[in-house]
Amino acid sequence: MEKIEKKEILKDIILEKGLENLLKEDMFFILDIFDKKVKKNSTKKILVEEIKNAYVEKLEKFIDIFSVKTNSFFRKGDENIVSDEQSSDDLKAYIEISNFGLGELNKERTLYKISSSFFKNYLNLIESEEFKNKVNKSEEIEVILSGIVRYYGVISEEKSYEIIKNMVSDVTFEEIKEMLRVKIEFTSNFELIGIQGTNQSYVISDKVFSPDETLAGVLKRPNIEYKILAKEEYINYSNEAYYKTSPLLEELELNLSSYIANEKDRKERINNMIDYVKNQLPINFIIEELMKGINFEKIEEAKYYSESLKKIWNEEANYILKGNSHGEVGGTITSNKIPVNSKCLCGSGKKYKKCCGK
């Protein structure tokens, strides 16, 4: 690996401007990640210098901090400018970078410029033989962990570690906690809810519509064990490739191809179906939502589609059942009502009571 040039980072204008745009509380959070202790009354100028020094001293820390998408973005080569017209993955990667003051918008607010010195040094780091294994391990942990949280919706930090330690060698509980801590702070994919009177915290997926109610439902069922999947299945959930996770969903995807030509639209409909089922929304609401825009030629086709959805509702995993289905644990559970003041699930941006809930 080429030697990291401290002077390049310290004189980097984009890095300096990017850091100055951060709030002081964000700066302290960054310094905390890098184990840098600075007085709370320090000026922004001092904080900027301390962060730049931390980047030089512990650049490899970003391997654990940045997501798979961001590491992949760096590996593309010398593309250090992102435009609004590029893929959403590039923009997501830039957002993570900007959270650490490593980029800024240009004056026209159309291009996101990334610190060139940091980009070069970091690219050298992740492509070096010394750190390739560390990069691969970090990325593997992140993908599986993301899939675990997506699949269960609600799961304790301890249980996440218990599952993942059997899939990734030499992973520690502290690594899992640190990764969750950073992802929760800098993305909207997860949140953490602590249980009062205990040291236990639960990770909640952004796919859970009613976090407090769902967590309460999980805690009320201590006798139900978490259903454990194969590593590949968690990876599918991480990538939101839900249609690959069960024969029922594959059959539904095939069935939908007769009515919806666009593959992306079909997959989005299936992903919505899974989110509705996992949040135990009423089956009648699910059928109504997922039949919108489909022109069935015969009534029998509509009935077959409706029955397929009912079967999936009964046999697919459920958040409050810890990844089990209604059929697997026996009996049924009451469907969640959709809160009338919540945003409508159709994506209109209106409240449910003023949209589909009329």
Protein backbone atom coordinates (compact mmCIF):
# COMPACT_ATOMS: atom_id res chain seq x y z
CA MET A 1 0.00 0.00 0.00
CA GLU A 2 1.20 3.47 -0.87
CA LYS A 3 2.05 5.61 2.12
CA ILE A 4 -0.82 7.88 3.14
CA GLU A 5 0.21 11.46 2.61
CA LYS A 6 -0.88 13.44 5.64
CA LYS A 7 -0.21 16.79 4.00
CA GLU A 8 -2.58 15.96 1.12
CA ILE A 9 -5.51 15.40 3.47
CA LEU A 10 -4.68 18.36 5.70
CA LYS A 11 -4.71 20.82 2.77
CA ASP A 12 -7.78 19.28 1.07
CA ILE A 13 -10.21 22.18 0.45
CA ILE A 14 -13.27 20.02 -0.25
CA LEU A 15 -12.68 18.04 2.93
CA GLU A 16 -12.32 21.23 4.94
CA LYS A 17 -15.50 22.78 3.51
CA GLY A 18 -17.40 19.55 3.98
CA LEU A 19 -16.39 19.32 7.63
CA GLU A 20 -17.29 22.96 8.26
CA ASN A 21 -20.82 22.22 7.02
CA LEU A 22 -21.33 19.54 9.68
CA LEU A 23 -22.98 20.28 13.01
CA LYS A 24 -20.69 20.24 16.04
CA GLU A 25 -22.60 17.26 17.49
CA ASP A 26 -21.87 15.30 14.29
CA MET A 27 -18.19 16.21 14.59
CA PHE A 28 -18.07 14.91 18.16
CA PHE A 29 -19.75 11.69 17.01
CA ILE A 30 -17.09 11.20 14.33
CA LEU A 31 -14.31 11.84 16.84
CA ASP A 32 -15.91 9.36 19.22
CA ILE A 33 -15.84 6.68 16.52
CA PHE A 34 -12.12 7.32 16.11
CA ASP A 35 -11.56 7.31 19.90
CA LYS A 36 -10.51 10.96 19.89
CA LYS A 37 -11.31 12.89 23.06
CA VAL A 38 -11.78 16.65 22.58
CA LYS A 39 -13.09 19.30 24.96
CA LYS A 40 -16.80 20.06 24.49
CA ASN A 41 -16.13 23.80 24.22
CA SER A 42 -13.68 23.36 21.33
CA THR A 43 -14.19 25.60 18.30
CA LYS A 44 -15.21 24.21 14.94
CA LYS A 45 -11.75 24.99 13.60
CA ILE A 46 -10.14 22.79 16.25
CA LEU A 47 -12.68 20.01 15.60
CA VAL A 48 -11.98 20.10 11.86
CA GLU A 49 -8.23 19.72 12.47
CA GLU A 50 -8.77 16.89 14.97
CA ILE A 51 -11.00 14.99 12.51
CA LYS A 52 -8.51 15.38 9.66
CA ASN A 53 -5.76 14.04 11.92
CA ALA A 54 -8.02 11.13 12.92
CA TYR A 55 -8.61 10.30 9.24
CA VAL A 56 -4.87 10.18 8.59
CA GLU A 57 -4.11 8.06 11.66
CA LYS A 58 -7.00 5.56 11.32
CA LEU A 59 -8.10 5.58 7.70
CA GLU A 60 -8.75 1.83 7.85
CA LYS A 61 -11.58 2.52 10.35
CA PHE A 62 -13.75 3.45 7.38
CA ILE A 63 -13.74 -0.16 6.23
CA ASP A 64 -16.02 -0.88 9.20
CA ILE A 65 -17.99 2.36 8.84
CA PHE A 66 -18.84 2.58 5.15
CA SER A 67 -21.51 0.34 3.65
CA VAL A 68 -20.94 -2.26 0.93
CA LYS A 69 -22.38 0.19 -1.63
CA THR A 70 -19.89 2.88 -0.61
CA ASN A 71 -16.88 0.57 -0.71
CA SER A 72 -18.03 -0.65 -4.14
CA PHE A 73 -18.42 2.95 -5.24
CA PHE A 74 -14.80 3.67 -4.35
CA ARG A 75 -13.67 0.55 -6.19
CA LYS A 76 -15.12 1.81 -9.48
CA GLY A 77 -11.93 3.71 -10.12
CA ASP A 78 -11.34 7.42 -10.42
CA GLU A 79 -14.97 8.53 -10.47
CA ASN A 80 -14.90 11.05 -7.67
CA ILE A 81 -17.84 13.18 -8.79
CA VAL A 82 -21.48 12.06 -8.62
CA SER A 83 -24.36 13.74 -10.45
CA ASP A 84 -28.08 13.64 -9.73
CA GLU A 85 -28.50 11.68 -12.96
CA GLN A 86 -26.39 8.75 -11.77
CA SER A 87 -27.71 5.65 -10.03
CA SER A 88 -29.36 5.85 -6.62
CA ASP A 89 -26.59 3.57 -5.30
CA ASP A 90 -24.02 6.24 -6.16
CA LEU A 91 -26.06 8.89 -4.38
CA LYS A 92 -26.48 6.66 -1.32
CA ALA A 93 -22.72 6.13 -1.29
CA TYR A 94 -22.18 9.87 -1.50
CA ILE A 95 -24.58 10.49 1.41
CA GLU A 96 -22.48 8.25 3.65
CA ILE A 97 -19.35 10.07 2.53
CA SER A 98 -20.91 13.48 3.14
CA ASN A 99 -21.92 12.42 6.67
CA PHE A 100 -18.21 12.44 7.45
CA GLY A 101 -17.52 15.78 5.76
CA LEU A 102 -15.81 14.13 2.80
CA GLY A 103 -17.82 15.82 0.07
CA GLU A 104 -19.83 18.89 -0.93
CA LEU A 105 -22.36 20.09 -3.51
CA ASN A 106 -21.07 22.42 -6.22
CA LYS A 107 -22.44 25.94 -6.61
CA GLU A 108 -25.03 24.82 -9.17
CA ARG A 109 -26.14 22.10 -6.69
CA THR A 110 -26.03 19.44 -9.41
CA LEU A 111 -22.75 17.63 -8.71
CA TYR A 112 -21.43 16.08 -5.51
CA LYS A 113 -17.67 16.53 -5.30
CA ILE A 114 -15.68 14.12 -3.17
CA SER A 115 -12.41 14.85 -1.42
CA SER A 116 -9.83 13.74 -3.99
CA SER A 117 -6.99 13.12 -1.53
CA PHE A 118 -9.20 11.02 0.72
CA PHE A 119 -10.57 9.18 -2.32
CA LYS A 120 -7.08 8.29 -3.54
CA ASN A 121 -5.80 7.22 -0.13
CA TYR A 122 -8.90 5.18 0.68
CA LEU A 123 -8.86 3.46 -2.72
CA ASN A 124 -5.24 2.48 -2.15
CA LEU A 125 -6.21 1.13 1.25
CA ILE A 126 -9.12 -1.08 0.23
CA GLU A 127 -7.31 -2.44 -2.82
CA SER A 128 -4.22 -3.39 -0.85
CA GLU A 129 -3.60 -7.04 0.00
CA GLU A 130 -3.18 -6.08 3.64
CA PHE A 131 -6.79 -5.01 4.01
CA LYS A 132 -8.68 -7.01 1.36
CA ASN A 133 -9.62 -9.72 3.84
CA LYS A 134 -10.77 -7.11 6.34
CA VAL A 135 -12.88 -5.37 3.66
CA ASN A 136 -14.46 -8.64 2.54
CA LYS A 137 -15.25 -9.68 6.11
CA SER A 138 -16.77 -6.28 6.94
CA GLU A 139 -18.92 -6.36 3.81
CA GLU A 140 -20.06 -9.92 4.50
CA ILE A 141 -21.06 -9.02 8.07
CA GLU A 142 -22.96 -5.95 6.91
CA VAL A 143 -24.96 -7.78 4.23
CA ILE A 144 -25.94 -10.66 6.53
CA LEU A 145 -26.72 -8.33 9.44
CA SER A 146 -28.88 -6.15 7.20
CA GLY A 147 -30.73 -9.25 5.99
CA ILE A 148 -31.28 -10.46 9.57
CA VAL A 149 -32.84 -7.15 10.60
CA ARG A 150 -34.93 -6.99 7.39
CA TYR A 151 -36.21 -10.55 7.89
CA TYR A 152 -37.16 -10.39 11.57
CA GLY A 153 -38.06 -6.70 11.70
CA VAL A 154 -37.42 -6.71 15.45
CA ILE A 155 -34.44 -8.51 16.98
CA SER A 156 -32.13 -7.95 19.93
CA GLU A 157 -28.45 -7.14 19.44
CA GLU A 158 -27.57 -10.35 21.31
CA LYS A 159 -29.74 -12.54 19.06
CA SER A 160 -28.32 -10.89 15.93
CA TYR A 161 -24.83 -11.78 17.12
CA GLU A 162 -25.88 -15.32 18.06
CA ILE A 163 -27.11 -15.90 14.49
CA ILE A 164 -24.27 -14.23 12.63
CA LYS A 165 -21.40 -15.76 14.62
CA ASN A 166 -22.26 -19.16 13.10
CA MET A 167 -21.93 -17.72 9.60
CA VAL A 168 -18.85 -15.48 9.81
CA SER A 169 -15.63 -16.60 11.48
CA ASP A 170 -13.96 -14.55 14.24
CA VAL A 171 -16.75 -11.99 14.54
CA THR A 172 -17.23 -10.43 17.98
CA PHE A 173 -20.28 -9.00 19.72
CA GLU A 174 -18.52 -5.63 19.93
CA GLU A 175 -18.08 -5.59 16.13
CA ILE A 176 -21.80 -6.18 15.65
CA LYS A 177 -22.74 -3.47 18.16
CA GLU A 178 -20.35 -0.98 16.56
CA MET A 179 -21.64 -1.66 13.06
CA LEU A 180 -25.25 -1.28 14.20
CA ARG A 181 -24.37 1.91 16.08
CA VAL A 182 -22.87 3.54 12.99
CA LYS A 183 -25.64 2.38 10.62
CA ILE A 184 -28.35 3.62 12.97
CA GLU A 185 -26.64 6.99 13.37
CA PHE A 186 -25.95 7.65 9.70
CA THR A 187 -28.76 5.84 7.85
CA SER A 188 -32.52 5.50 8.26
CA ASN A 189 -32.56 1.72 7.75
CA PHE A 190 -32.60 0.76 11.45
CA GLU A 191 -33.42 2.23 14.83
CA LEU A 192 -32.57 1.00 18.31
CA ILE A 193 -35.07 0.69 21.15
CA GLY A 194 -33.87 -0.05 24.67
CA ILE A 195 -35.96 -2.09 27.10
CA GLN A 196 -36.48 -0.13 30.32
CA GLY A 197 -34.93 -1.73 33.37
CA THR A 198 -32.67 -4.03 31.33
CA ASN A 199 -29.43 -3.82 29.37
CA GLN A 200 -31.13 -5.25 26.29
CA SER A 201 -31.67 -3.26 23.10
CA TYR A 202 -33.69 -4.25 20.05
CA VAL A 203 -32.87 -3.30 16.47
CA ILE A 204 -35.95 -2.28 14.46
CA SER A 205 -36.11 -2.32 10.66
CA ASP A 206 -37.48 0.67 8.76
CA LYS A 207 -39.92 -1.80 7.18
CA VAL A 208 -41.77 -2.14 10.50
CA PHE A 209 -44.84 0.12 10.33
CA SER A 210 -45.54 0.26 14.10
CA PRO A 211 -42.22 -0.27 15.96
CA ASP A 212 -43.52 -0.02 19.55
CA GLU A 213 -46.53 -2.26 18.94
CA THR A 214 -44.48 -4.83 17.04
CA LEU A 215 -41.78 -4.93 19.73
CA ALA A 216 -44.50 -5.41 22.35
CA GLY A 217 -45.90 -8.28 20.26
CA VAL A 218 -42.48 -9.96 20.12
CA LEU A 219 -41.94 -9.59 23.88
CA LYS A 220 -45.35 -11.14 24.58
CA ARG A 221 -44.26 -14.35 22.85
CA PRO A 222 -41.19 -15.57 24.79
CA ASN A 223 -41.98 -19.22 24.03
CA ILE A 224 -41.67 -18.75 20.25
CA GLU A 225 -38.12 -19.33 18.98
CA TYR A 226 -36.61 -17.27 16.17
CA LYS A 227 -36.72 -19.17 12.88
CA ILE A 228 -33.13 -19.46 11.62
CA LEU A 229 -32.41 -19.24 7.88
CA ALA A 230 -29.43 -20.15 5.70
CA LYS A 231 -26.90 -17.38 5.07
CA GLU A 232 -27.98 -17.03 1.42
CA GLU A 233 -31.56 -16.33 2.49
CA TYR A 234 -30.50 -13.44 4.72
CA ILE A 235 -28.47 -12.08 1.81
CA ASN A 236 -31.60 -12.19 -0.38
CA TYR A 237 -33.48 -10.22 2.28
CA SER A 238 -30.65 -7.71 2.48
CA ASN A 239 -30.97 -7.11 -1.26
CA GLU A 240 -34.78 -7.07 -0.95
CA ALA A 241 -34.93 -9.95 -3.44
CA TYR A 242 -37.93 -11.32 -1.55
CA TYR A 243 -39.34 -13.17 -4.55
CA LYS A 244 -36.33 -15.51 -4.34
CA THR A 245 -37.05 -16.47 -0.74
CA SER A 246 -39.92 -18.94 -1.19
CA PRO A 247 -41.64 -21.10 -3.86
CA LEU A 248 -44.93 -19.30 -3.12
CA LEU A 249 -43.43 -15.93 -4.02
CA GLU A 250 -41.70 -17.31 -7.11
CA GLU A 251 -45.06 -18.69 -8.24
CA LEU A 252 -46.71 -15.32 -7.60
CA GLU A 253 -43.98 -13.54 -9.61
CA LEU A 254 -44.56 -15.96 -12.50
CA ASN A 255 -48.32 -15.46 -12.26
CA LEU A 256 -47.95 -11.68 -12.28
CA SER A 257 -45.84 -11.78 -15.45
CA SER A 258 -49.06 -12.51 -17.39
CA TYR A 259 -50.53 -9.17 -16.29
CA ILE A 260 -47.55 -6.90 -15.55
CA ALA A 261 -44.88 -6.83 -18.25
CA ASN A 262 -42.37 -4.69 -16.37
CA GLU A 263 -40.19 -6.90 -14.13
CA LYS A 264 -39.33 -4.01 -11.80
CA ASP A 265 -43.05 -3.30 -11.21
CA ARG A 266 -43.71 -6.97 -10.47
CA LYS A 267 -40.92 -7.16 -7.93
CA GLU A 268 -42.04 -3.93 -6.26
CA ARG A 269 -45.54 -5.36 -5.89
CA ILE A 270 -44.15 -8.52 -4.31
CA ASN A 271 -41.93 -6.51 -1.95
CA ASN A 272 -45.00 -4.52 -0.89
CA MET A 273 -46.88 -7.78 -0.34
CA ILE A 274 -44.15 -9.06 1.98
CA ASP A 275 -44.06 -5.79 3.94
CA TYR A 276 -47.85 -5.91 4.41
CA VAL A 277 -47.80 -9.57 5.50
CA LYS A 278 -44.91 -9.14 7.90
CA ASN A 279 -46.73 -6.22 9.51
CA GLN A 280 -49.88 -8.41 9.74
CA LEU A 281 -52.10 -5.93 7.87
CA PRO A 282 -55.66 -7.12 7.07
CA ILE A 283 -55.71 -9.61 4.22
CA ASN A 284 -58.64 -7.84 2.55
CA PHE A 285 -56.63 -4.61 2.44
CA ILE A 286 -53.65 -6.48 0.96
CA ILE A 287 -55.75 -8.12 -1.76
CA GLU A 288 -57.35 -4.79 -2.67
CA GLU A 289 -53.99 -2.99 -2.85
CA LEU A 290 -52.20 -5.66 -4.87
CA MET A 291 -55.04 -6.14 -7.37
CA LYS A 292 -55.05 -2.46 -8.31
CA GLY A 293 -54.18 -1.89 -11.96
CA ILE A 294 -54.48 -5.56 -12.96
CA ASN A 295 -57.03 -6.32 -15.67
CA PHE A 296 -58.11 -9.93 -15.31
CA GLU A 297 -59.82 -11.39 -18.37
CA LYS A 298 -61.81 -13.96 -16.37
CA ILE A 299 -63.24 -13.93 -12.87
CA GLU A 300 -61.49 -17.26 -12.21
CA GLU A 301 -58.11 -15.58 -12.72
CA ALA A 302 -58.92 -12.92 -10.14
CA LYS A 303 -60.06 -15.60 -7.67
CA TYR A 304 -56.86 -17.61 -8.22
CA TYR A 305 -54.74 -14.50 -7.62
CA SER A 306 -56.75 -13.66 -4.50
CA GLU A 307 -56.35 -17.20 -3.11
CA SER A 308 -52.58 -17.06 -3.78
CA LEU A 309 -52.34 -13.90 -1.69
CA LYS A 310 -54.33 -15.50 1.15
CA LYS A 311 -52.01 -18.50 1.11
CA ILE A 312 -48.94 -16.26 1.27
CA TRP A 313 -50.51 -14.26 4.12
CA ASN A 314 -50.86 -17.48 6.12
CA GLU A 315 -47.51 -19.07 5.23
CA GLU A 316 -45.04 -16.20 5.03
CA ALA A 317 -42.90 -15.01 7.96
CA ASN A 318 -44.34 -12.48 10.38
CA TYR A 319 -42.52 -9.88 12.47
CA ILE A 320 -44.23 -10.55 15.81
CA LEU A 321 -43.77 -14.30 15.29
CA LYS A 322 -39.96 -13.93 15.04
CA GLY A 323 -39.69 -15.00 11.41
CA ASN A 324 -42.25 -17.80 11.72
CA SER A 325 -45.56 -17.88 9.84
CA HIS A 326 -49.08 -18.23 11.22
CA GLY A 327 -49.18 -21.80 9.96
CA GLU A 328 -45.88 -22.73 11.63
CA VAL A 329 -46.82 -21.56 15.13
CA GLY A 330 -50.47 -22.63 14.88
CA GLY A 331 -53.58 -20.52 15.10
CA THR A 332 -54.01 -16.98 13.86
CA ILE A 333 -53.25 -13.53 15.20
CA THR A 334 -55.31 -10.41 14.95
CA SER A 335 -54.42 -8.23 11.98
CA ASN A 336 -53.01 -4.81 12.69
CA LYS A 337 -55.27 -1.91 11.91
CA ILE A 338 -53.70 0.80 9.80
CA PRO A 339 -53.36 3.97 11.96
CA VAL A 340 -55.68 6.54 10.35
CA ASN A 341 -53.22 9.39 10.86
CA SER A 342 -50.24 7.52 9.42
CA LYS A 343 -49.02 8.07 5.87
CA CYS A 344 -50.94 5.99 3.36
CA LEU A 345 -49.08 2.88 2.19
CA CYS A 346 -49.88 3.65 -1.45
CA GLY A 347 -47.11 6.26 -1.46
CA SER A 348 -49.34 9.28 -2.11
CA GLY A 349 -47.92 11.15 0.88
CA LYS A 350 -51.44 11.76 2.23
CA LYS A 351 -52.75 10.49 5.55
CA TYR A 352 -54.38 7.05 5.31
CA LYS A 353 -57.77 8.39 6.45
CA LYS A 354 -57.74 10.93 3.59
CA CYS A 355 -56.58 8.46 0.95
CA CYS A 356 -57.15 4.69 0.72
CA GLY A 357 -58.84 4.67 4.15
CA LYS A 358 -61.78 6.83 3.08
